[in-house]
Amino acid sequence: MPLSDTAARALKPAPGKRITKVHDRDGLFLHVAATGTKSWVLRYRIHGKERSAALGRYPAVSLAKARERAQEARARLAEGVDPVQNKRREKSNAAAADAARFNAVADAWRKRQVWTPLVRKQYDKMFDNDIKPALGRLPVADVDASQVQAVVDKVAERGKVAAGHVLLLVRGVLTHAVGKKLIPYNPAREVKAPRREKGAKKSYRHLEGTTEVRRLLDKLAAYKGRAETIIALRLLLLTFVRPSELREARWSEFDLDAIDAIGKPAPIWNIAAERTKRGRPHVVPLSEQAAVLLRNLHPITGTGELLFPHARREGEAMSRNTFIRALRDYMGLPTTAHGFRHLASTTLNSQGYNRDWIEMQLAHWNEGVRGAYNKAQWLPERRAMMQAYADWLDRLREEQSNVVPLKRHHDGRAAQ
């Protein structure tokens, strides 16, 4: 006799049995577990074998719904389709479809990228705020150039540089999808980054000419701010690393007592790969002046991990706004901390130093373009160049003339 909904609700597990099976009709059973949980099961035969298909739990799946599902399964059986195998195939296809959605492909691609923590934080924000809301739930096969263009155009309203980064990120994800054979080609290649208006491109503000540099040195000498800020700015000037690399520097990265092959002092700063913009370790040979500054700083912050800890938040590095406030607000200088790198590059190139040494010291070296990257490449030459640059800065304040003479070798290269 077929079950009724009232009878199904009233069923109890038989004492001592793990499963109590009660037949409804046409192979549909209600299984009652010893715990009282009730589940619909369809028994059927296919290819000479008896099998069972789970149709859901009661009462979430009502008696009427269970009969409807059983009828659909029997219809598939009549066509030679095994309901169990078909359900597994549908679940597998659904999982594959989810894995091929833009969100999933993007997450897989991002895990493979070697980004610094700061860059990763910035790119994660772009994914969360700009890219995923528009493209995230779409299968990558459904993403077309017009959709990518719409995302880029929307971001461009607040900044064309940001829009360019967003486009590069989307291109990266879809290139990964091509490599995984999820799509035949990358539609984002058809999208172009928004162009800046002519003359709109700006570099970091930097100092031009010895008069402005001398003014910077005078302002630094007269600055009455915190000792750590003064030392940090002087070190930026002497090492021309990126400001974030200095602000987050660790004492463990420095060896001020190092010596070279002939026993001369050779203090060194080894910046770990995870802290650099390009994800590669960077070696900074330190001039005598830089080493003195670090020795003066050690009694102030040397008991901690960071050279420049935050003034109020324990465990954090100096604020990125510290340099801005010191240079712009207190000293009134037309430059930024990042502009120190431009100053060093311009000065050393004008003084005739080897361009490769300068690019290596700025951590601009591009592996595969002019040779394999080696963090210690040209280290003796770079050390001499860094010392000469520090000496030039010292002489600049002492010289009364706006023109600072530099001795040169017979080959035109600046004396070291």
Protein backbone atom coordinates (compact mmCIF):
# COMPACT_ATOMS: atom_id res chain seq x y z
CA MET A 1 0.00 0.00 0.00
CA PRO A 2 1.48 3.41 -0.98
CA LEU A 3 2.55 5.79 1.75
CA SER A 4 0.59 8.84 2.80
CA ASP A 5 2.17 12.05 4.09
CA THR A 6 0.61 11.38 7.51
CA ALA A 7 2.09 7.88 7.61
CA ALA A 8 5.49 9.18 6.51
CA ARG A 9 5.53 11.73 9.34
CA ALA A 10 4.53 9.10 11.88
CA LEU A 11 7.18 6.52 10.91
CA LYS A 12 9.66 5.57 13.63
CA PRO A 13 12.83 3.47 13.35
CA ALA A 14 12.34 -0.18 14.21
CA PRO A 15 14.04 -1.15 17.51
CA GLY A 16 17.49 -2.65 16.99
CA LYS A 17 17.64 -1.84 13.26
CA ARG A 18 20.18 0.55 11.73
CA ILE A 19 17.84 1.35 8.81
CA THR A 20 14.09 0.81 8.57
CA LYS A 21 12.90 0.64 4.93
CA VAL A 22 9.29 1.39 4.07
CA HIS A 23 8.10 0.97 0.45
CA ASP A 24 5.88 3.56 -1.24
CA ARG A 25 5.45 2.45 -4.86
CA ASP A 26 7.38 1.85 -8.11
CA GLY A 27 10.67 1.24 -6.29
CA LEU A 28 10.46 4.36 -4.05
CA PHE A 29 11.37 3.77 -0.42
CA LEU A 30 11.53 5.92 2.70
CA HIS A 31 14.58 4.96 4.77
CA VAL A 32 14.37 5.74 8.48
CA ALA A 33 17.73 5.75 10.29
CA ALA A 34 18.14 4.77 13.94
CA THR A 35 18.64 8.47 14.66
CA GLY A 36 15.22 9.26 13.19
CA THR A 37 16.53 10.85 9.98
CA LYS A 38 14.33 10.01 6.98
CA SER A 39 15.56 9.84 3.37
CA TRP A 40 13.94 9.00 0.04
CA VAL A 41 15.64 6.25 -1.99
CA LEU A 42 14.73 4.91 -5.44
CA ARG A 43 15.62 1.28 -6.15
CA TYR A 44 16.02 0.36 -9.85
CA ARG A 45 17.78 -2.05 -12.20
CA ILE A 46 20.00 -1.13 -15.14
CA HIS A 47 22.23 -3.34 -17.26
CA GLY A 48 21.19 -6.27 -15.10
CA LYS A 49 22.34 -4.64 -11.85
CA GLU A 50 20.29 -3.30 -8.97
CA ARG A 51 21.16 0.21 -7.85
CA SER A 52 19.90 2.93 -5.51
CA ALA A 53 19.52 6.67 -6.05
CA ALA A 54 19.13 9.14 -3.18
CA LEU A 55 16.31 11.62 -3.81
CA GLY A 56 16.57 13.82 -0.73
CA ARG A 57 15.54 13.95 2.92
CA TYR A 58 12.04 14.03 4.30
CA PRO A 59 10.27 16.35 5.10
CA ALA A 60 12.45 18.85 3.18
CA VAL A 61 11.55 16.73 0.14
CA SER A 62 7.85 15.98 0.47
CA LEU A 63 6.17 12.74 -0.56
CA ALA A 64 4.81 14.39 -3.71
CA LYS A 65 8.22 15.81 -4.62
CA ALA A 66 9.90 12.44 -4.03
CA ARG A 67 7.41 10.75 -6.38
CA GLU A 68 8.04 13.44 -8.99
CA ARG A 69 11.81 12.90 -8.78
CA ALA A 70 11.33 9.14 -8.99
CA GLN A 71 9.21 9.56 -12.12
CA GLU A 72 11.91 11.75 -13.73
CA ALA A 73 14.55 9.12 -12.89
CA ARG A 74 12.45 6.34 -14.41
CA ALA A 75 12.02 8.43 -17.56
CA ARG A 76 15.81 8.71 -17.85
CA LEU A 77 16.11 4.96 -17.26
CA ALA A 78 13.75 4.35 -20.17
CA GLU A 79 16.25 6.26 -22.33
CA GLY A 80 19.11 4.13 -20.99
CA VAL A 81 20.49 6.86 -18.70
CA ASP A 82 21.61 5.78 -15.24
CA PRO A 83 20.23 8.36 -12.74
CA VAL A 84 23.19 7.93 -10.37
CA GLN A 85 25.80 8.30 -13.09
CA ASN A 86 23.87 11.22 -14.55
CA LYS A 87 23.79 13.00 -11.17
CA ARG A 88 27.53 12.51 -10.74
CA ARG A 89 28.09 13.85 -14.25
CA GLU A 90 25.95 16.92 -13.52
CA LYS A 91 27.83 17.60 -10.26
CA SER A 92 31.15 17.22 -12.08
CA ASN A 93 30.02 19.59 -14.83
CA ALA A 94 28.81 22.10 -12.25
CA ALA A 95 32.15 21.92 -10.45
CA ALA A 96 34.01 22.39 -13.74
CA ALA A 97 31.78 25.36 -14.57
CA ASP A 98 32.54 26.94 -11.18
CA ALA A 99 36.26 26.34 -11.69
CA ALA A 100 36.00 28.10 -15.05
CA ARG A 101 34.36 31.22 -13.62
CA PHE A 102 36.46 34.37 -13.66
CA ASN A 103 36.70 34.49 -9.84
CA ALA A 104 38.19 31.01 -9.59
CA VAL A 105 40.62 31.53 -12.47
CA ALA A 106 41.66 34.90 -11.02
CA ASP A 107 42.35 33.40 -7.59
CA ALA A 108 44.49 30.64 -9.13
CA TRP A 109 46.45 33.18 -11.21
CA ARG A 110 47.02 35.55 -8.28
CA LYS A 111 48.52 32.77 -6.17
CA ARG A 112 51.20 32.27 -8.84
CA GLN A 113 52.29 35.92 -8.90
CA VAL A 114 55.41 37.13 -7.07
CA TRP A 115 54.30 40.50 -5.72
CA THR A 116 55.53 42.43 -2.72
CA PRO A 117 53.02 42.66 0.17
CA LEU A 118 52.32 46.30 -0.67
CA VAL A 119 51.70 45.61 -4.38
CA ARG A 120 49.57 42.55 -3.55
CA LYS A 121 47.46 44.66 -1.20
CA GLN A 122 46.90 47.27 -3.92
CA TYR A 123 46.03 44.67 -6.57
CA ASP A 124 43.73 42.74 -4.22
CA LYS A 125 41.82 45.98 -3.67
CA MET A 126 41.44 46.43 -7.43
CA PHE A 127 40.14 42.88 -7.80
CA ASP A 128 37.68 43.24 -4.93
CA ASN A 129 36.39 46.72 -5.81
CA ASP A 130 36.64 46.92 -9.60
CA ILE A 131 37.11 43.58 -11.33
CA LYS A 132 35.22 40.89 -9.43
CA PRO A 133 31.91 42.79 -9.08
CA ALA A 134 31.75 43.11 -12.87
CA LEU A 135 33.34 39.87 -14.12
CA GLY A 136 33.65 37.55 -11.14
CA ARG A 137 30.60 35.30 -11.61
CA LEU A 138 30.94 35.06 -15.39
CA PRO A 139 32.48 31.96 -16.96
CA VAL A 140 35.75 33.08 -18.53
CA ALA A 141 34.40 31.85 -21.86
CA ASP A 142 31.65 34.49 -21.63
CA VAL A 143 33.99 37.43 -20.95
CA ASP A 144 34.35 39.57 -24.05
CA ALA A 145 36.29 42.69 -24.98
CA SER A 146 33.30 45.01 -24.48
CA GLN A 147 32.85 43.87 -20.87
CA VAL A 148 36.53 44.37 -20.11
CA GLN A 149 36.42 47.78 -21.79
CA ALA A 150 33.47 48.77 -19.59
CA VAL A 151 35.45 47.88 -16.45
CA VAL A 152 38.51 49.80 -17.62
CA ASP A 153 36.46 52.85 -18.63
CA LYS A 154 34.72 52.95 -15.26
CA VAL A 155 38.04 52.86 -13.37
CA ALA A 156 39.47 55.50 -15.73
CA GLU A 157 36.92 57.98 -14.38
CA ARG A 158 38.89 58.13 -11.13
CA GLY A 159 42.35 57.61 -12.61
CA LYS A 160 43.90 56.47 -15.88
CA VAL A 161 46.92 54.92 -14.16
CA ALA A 162 44.63 52.74 -12.04
CA ALA A 163 42.67 51.79 -15.17
CA GLY A 164 45.89 50.67 -16.84
CA HIS A 165 46.70 48.43 -13.87
CA VAL A 166 43.20 46.95 -13.90
CA LEU A 167 43.53 46.12 -17.59
CA LEU A 168 46.89 44.41 -17.01
CA LEU A 169 45.37 42.33 -14.20
CA VAL A 170 42.42 41.21 -16.34
CA ARG A 171 44.77 40.38 -19.20
CA GLY A 172 46.88 38.30 -16.82
CA VAL A 173 43.88 36.29 -15.63
CA LEU A 174 42.61 35.62 -19.14
CA THR A 175 46.09 34.69 -20.38
CA HIS A 176 46.13 32.11 -17.58
CA ALA A 177 42.72 30.88 -18.79
CA VAL A 178 44.12 30.47 -22.31
CA GLY A 179 47.02 28.45 -20.90
CA LYS A 180 44.53 26.19 -19.09
CA LYS A 181 42.62 25.75 -22.37
CA LEU A 182 39.48 27.26 -20.86
CA ILE A 183 39.25 29.83 -23.67
CA PRO A 184 40.82 29.88 -27.16
CA TYR A 185 42.16 33.46 -27.01
CA ASN A 186 42.43 36.46 -24.69
CA PRO A 187 39.74 39.08 -25.52
CA ALA A 188 41.37 41.62 -23.18
CA ARG A 189 44.18 41.94 -25.73
CA GLU A 190 41.73 43.90 -27.87
CA VAL A 191 41.20 46.46 -25.10
CA LYS A 192 43.55 49.43 -24.89
CA ALA A 193 44.46 51.33 -21.77
CA PRO A 194 43.12 54.89 -21.70
CA ARG A 195 45.61 57.42 -23.01
CA ARG A 196 46.69 60.38 -20.97
CA GLU A 197 46.21 63.79 -22.50
CA LYS A 198 49.31 65.19 -24.13
CA GLY A 199 51.59 66.63 -21.52
CA ALA A 200 49.67 64.98 -18.69
CA LYS A 201 52.32 62.42 -17.84
CA LYS A 202 54.23 63.42 -14.74
CA SER A 203 57.27 61.95 -13.07
CA TYR A 204 58.04 62.19 -9.40
CA ARG A 205 58.92 65.74 -8.45
CA HIS A 206 62.65 66.00 -8.15
CA LEU A 207 65.35 68.59 -7.67
CA GLU A 208 67.17 70.12 -10.61
CA GLY A 209 70.62 71.72 -10.44
CA THR A 210 73.18 71.99 -7.68
CA THR A 211 71.53 75.06 -6.16
CA GLU A 212 68.35 73.12 -5.38
CA VAL A 213 70.30 70.13 -4.09
CA ARG A 214 72.38 72.38 -1.86
CA ARG A 215 69.14 73.90 -0.56
CA LEU A 216 67.89 70.41 0.28
CA LEU A 217 71.09 69.65 2.20
CA ASP A 218 70.85 72.95 4.09
CA LYS A 219 67.21 72.28 4.96
CA LEU A 220 68.08 68.80 6.21
CA ALA A 221 70.86 70.22 8.37
CA ALA A 222 68.47 72.78 9.88
CA TYR A 223 65.48 70.45 10.29
CA LYS A 224 64.33 70.15 13.91
CA GLY A 225 62.16 67.06 13.52
CA ARG A 226 62.65 63.61 15.02
CA ALA A 227 66.15 62.17 14.70
CA GLU A 228 64.76 59.06 13.02
CA THR A 229 63.13 61.15 10.27
CA ILE A 230 66.33 63.11 9.61
CA ILE A 231 68.41 59.94 9.42
CA ALA A 232 65.82 58.24 7.18
CA LEU A 233 65.86 61.13 4.70
CA ARG A 234 69.65 61.21 4.66
CA LEU A 235 69.78 57.47 4.07
CA LEU A 236 67.30 57.80 1.22
CA LEU A 237 69.56 60.40 -0.33
CA LEU A 238 72.65 58.18 0.06
CA THR A 239 71.13 54.84 -0.96
CA PHE A 240 68.32 55.95 -3.36
CA VAL A 241 66.26 52.87 -2.57
CA ARG A 242 62.49 53.06 -2.82
CA PRO A 243 60.96 54.84 0.20
CA SER A 244 58.93 51.78 1.23
CA GLU A 245 62.09 49.64 1.22
CA LEU A 246 63.72 52.03 3.69
CA ARG A 247 60.68 52.59 5.90
CA GLU A 248 60.23 48.83 6.36
CA ALA A 249 63.94 47.98 6.67
CA ARG A 250 65.01 45.46 9.34
CA TRP A 251 68.21 45.58 11.33
CA SER A 252 68.80 41.94 10.39
CA GLU A 253 69.30 43.02 6.76
CA PHE A 254 72.42 45.06 7.53
CA ASP A 255 76.05 44.02 8.04
CA LEU A 256 77.96 47.13 9.01
CA ASP A 257 81.10 45.18 9.91
CA ALA A 258 81.49 43.38 6.58
CA ILE A 259 84.88 43.51 4.82
CA ASP A 260 85.78 42.92 1.20
CA ALA A 261 88.29 40.49 -0.32
CA ILE A 262 91.27 42.67 0.60
CA GLY A 263 90.10 43.37 4.12
CA LYS A 264 88.67 46.85 3.60
CA PRO A 265 85.36 47.83 5.28
CA ALA A 266 82.44 46.94 3.03
CA PRO A 267 79.18 47.55 4.90
CA ILE A 268 76.22 46.09 3.06
CA TRP A 269 72.42 46.09 3.05
CA ASN A 270 70.66 42.97 1.74
CA ILE A 271 67.00 43.65 0.98
CA ALA A 272 64.93 40.46 0.89
CA ALA A 273 63.10 39.57 -2.33
CA GLU A 274 59.67 39.78 -0.72
CA ARG A 275 60.29 43.43 0.15
CA THR A 276 61.30 44.64 -3.30
CA LYS A 277 59.02 45.84 -6.07
CA ARG A 278 60.25 43.24 -8.56
CA GLY A 279 60.33 40.36 -6.11
CA ARG A 280 64.12 39.87 -6.31
CA PRO A 281 66.77 40.34 -3.61
CA HIS A 282 68.64 43.62 -3.84
CA VAL A 283 72.11 44.45 -2.53
CA VAL A 284 72.92 48.00 -1.50
CA PRO A 285 76.61 48.76 -0.85
CA LEU A 286 76.78 51.40 1.86
CA SER A 287 79.01 54.44 1.78
CA GLU A 288 80.99 55.49 4.84
CA GLN A 289 78.47 58.27 5.43
CA ALA A 290 75.52 55.84 5.32
CA ALA A 291 77.25 53.46 7.74
CA VAL A 292 77.82 56.35 10.19
CA LEU A 293 74.13 57.27 10.04
CA LEU A 294 73.13 53.69 10.77
CA ARG A 295 75.50 53.47 13.72
CA ASN A 296 74.00 56.71 15.05
CA LEU A 297 70.50 55.29 14.62
CA HIS A 298 71.21 51.99 16.37
CA PRO A 299 71.13 53.36 19.95
CA ILE A 300 67.70 54.85 19.17
CA THR A 301 65.88 51.91 17.51
CA GLY A 302 68.41 49.07 17.53
CA THR A 303 66.64 47.09 20.27
CA GLY A 304 63.71 46.42 17.95
CA GLU A 305 63.29 44.71 14.58
CA LEU A 306 62.59 47.81 12.48
CA LEU A 307 65.01 50.65 11.76
CA PHE A 308 62.14 53.10 11.63
CA PRO A 309 59.22 51.95 13.81
CA HIS A 310 55.95 53.86 13.82
CA ALA A 311 55.85 56.61 16.43
CA ARG A 312 52.54 55.42 17.91
CA ARG A 313 51.58 51.98 16.53
CA GLU A 314 53.73 49.19 17.92
CA GLY A 315 55.01 46.66 15.40
CA GLU A 316 54.35 48.92 12.38
CA ALA A 317 56.85 50.78 10.24
CA MET A 318 57.12 54.56 9.92
CA SER A 319 54.14 56.10 8.14
CA ARG A 320 54.49 56.71 4.39
CA ASN A 321 53.30 60.28 5.02
CA THR A 322 56.30 61.06 7.24
CA PHE A 323 58.56 61.93 4.31
CA ILE A 324 55.84 63.95 2.59
CA ARG A 325 55.18 66.06 5.68
CA ALA A 326 58.87 66.60 6.36
CA LEU A 327 59.83 67.61 2.80
CA ARG A 328 56.74 69.50 1.73
CA ASP A 329 55.12 70.84 4.90
CA TYR A 330 58.12 71.55 7.11
CA MET A 331 60.96 72.16 4.67
CA GLY A 332 58.92 73.56 1.78
CA LEU A 333 60.92 71.61 -0.80
CA PRO A 334 59.63 70.93 -4.34
CA THR A 335 60.45 67.23 -4.26
CA THR A 336 59.30 63.86 -2.97
CA ALA A 337 61.21 61.07 -1.26
CA HIS A 338 60.95 59.05 -4.46
CA GLY A 339 62.46 62.02 -6.30
CA PHE A 340 65.78 61.24 -4.58
CA ARG A 341 66.08 58.26 -6.95
CA HIS A 342 65.66 60.53 -9.96
CA LEU A 343 68.25 62.91 -8.56
CA ALA A 344 70.79 60.11 -8.11
CA SER A 345 70.13 58.68 -11.57
CA THR A 346 70.41 62.05 -13.30
CA THR A 347 73.52 63.05 -11.38
CA LEU A 348 75.43 59.78 -11.83
CA ASN A 349 74.57 59.55 -15.51
CA SER A 350 75.71 63.12 -16.05
CA GLN A 351 78.95 62.33 -14.22
CA GLY A 352 79.69 59.55 -16.68
CA TYR A 353 79.14 56.43 -14.62
CA ASN A 354 78.32 53.17 -16.33
CA ARG A 355 74.58 53.09 -17.00
CA ASP A 356 74.34 49.42 -16.07
CA TRP A 357 75.79 50.10 -12.62
CA ILE A 358 73.24 52.85 -12.08
CA GLU A 359 70.29 50.76 -13.25
CA MET A 360 71.41 47.84 -11.10
CA GLN A 361 71.71 50.12 -8.09
CA LEU A 362 68.21 51.49 -8.73
CA ALA A 363 66.95 47.88 -8.93
CA HIS A 364 65.77 48.54 -12.49
CA TRP A 365 67.76 45.67 -13.92
CA ASN A 366 65.62 43.62 -16.28
CA GLU A 367 66.57 39.96 -16.44
CA GLY A 368 66.86 38.61 -19.94
CA VAL A 369 67.31 41.99 -21.62
CA ARG A 370 71.02 42.57 -21.19
CA GLY A 371 72.11 39.52 -19.25
CA ALA A 372 71.15 37.32 -16.32
CA TYR A 373 70.23 39.09 -13.11
CA ASN A 374 72.78 38.76 -10.30
CA LYS A 375 72.14 40.71 -7.12
CA ALA A 376 75.89 41.11 -6.49
CA GLN A 377 76.78 42.03 -10.08
CA TRP A 378 79.32 44.89 -10.33
CA LEU A 379 79.35 45.17 -6.55
CA PRO A 380 82.87 46.65 -6.25
CA GLU A 381 82.12 49.17 -8.99
CA ARG A 382 78.78 50.07 -7.45
CA ARG A 383 80.36 50.45 -4.02
CA ALA A 384 82.90 52.91 -5.41
CA MET A 385 80.13 54.78 -7.24
CA MET A 386 78.00 55.02 -4.09
CA GLN A 387 80.96 56.35 -2.10
CA ALA A 388 81.76 58.91 -4.77
CA TYR A 389 78.12 60.05 -4.78
CA ALA A 390 78.13 60.47 -0.99
CA ASP A 391 81.40 62.43 -1.20
CA TRP A 392 79.89 64.61 -3.94
CA LEU A 393 76.94 65.47 -1.71
CA ASP A 394 79.36 66.40 1.11
CA ARG A 395 81.39 68.61 -1.20
CA LEU A 396 78.28 70.25 -2.56
CA ARG A 397 77.52 71.96 0.73
CA GLU A 398 81.14 73.00 1.19
CA GLU A 399 81.54 74.43 -2.28
CA GLN A 400 80.64 78.09 -2.65
CA SER A 401 80.31 77.88 -6.40
CA ASN A 402 77.19 76.50 -8.07
CA VAL A 403 79.49 74.36 -10.23
CA VAL A 404 81.08 71.43 -8.47
CA PRO A 405 84.12 70.15 -10.39
CA LEU A 406 84.54 66.41 -10.75
CA LYS A 407 87.82 64.75 -11.55
CA ARG A 408 87.62 62.35 -14.43
CA HIS A 409 89.74 59.51 -15.70
CA HIS A 410 91.25 59.63 -19.17
CA ASP A 411 88.31 57.53 -20.47
CA GLY A 412 85.83 60.20 -19.37
CA ARG A 413 84.44 58.18 -16.45
CA ALA A 414 84.01 60.01 -13.16
CA ALA A 415 86.76 59.49 -10.59
CA GLN A 416 85.94 57.06 -7.82
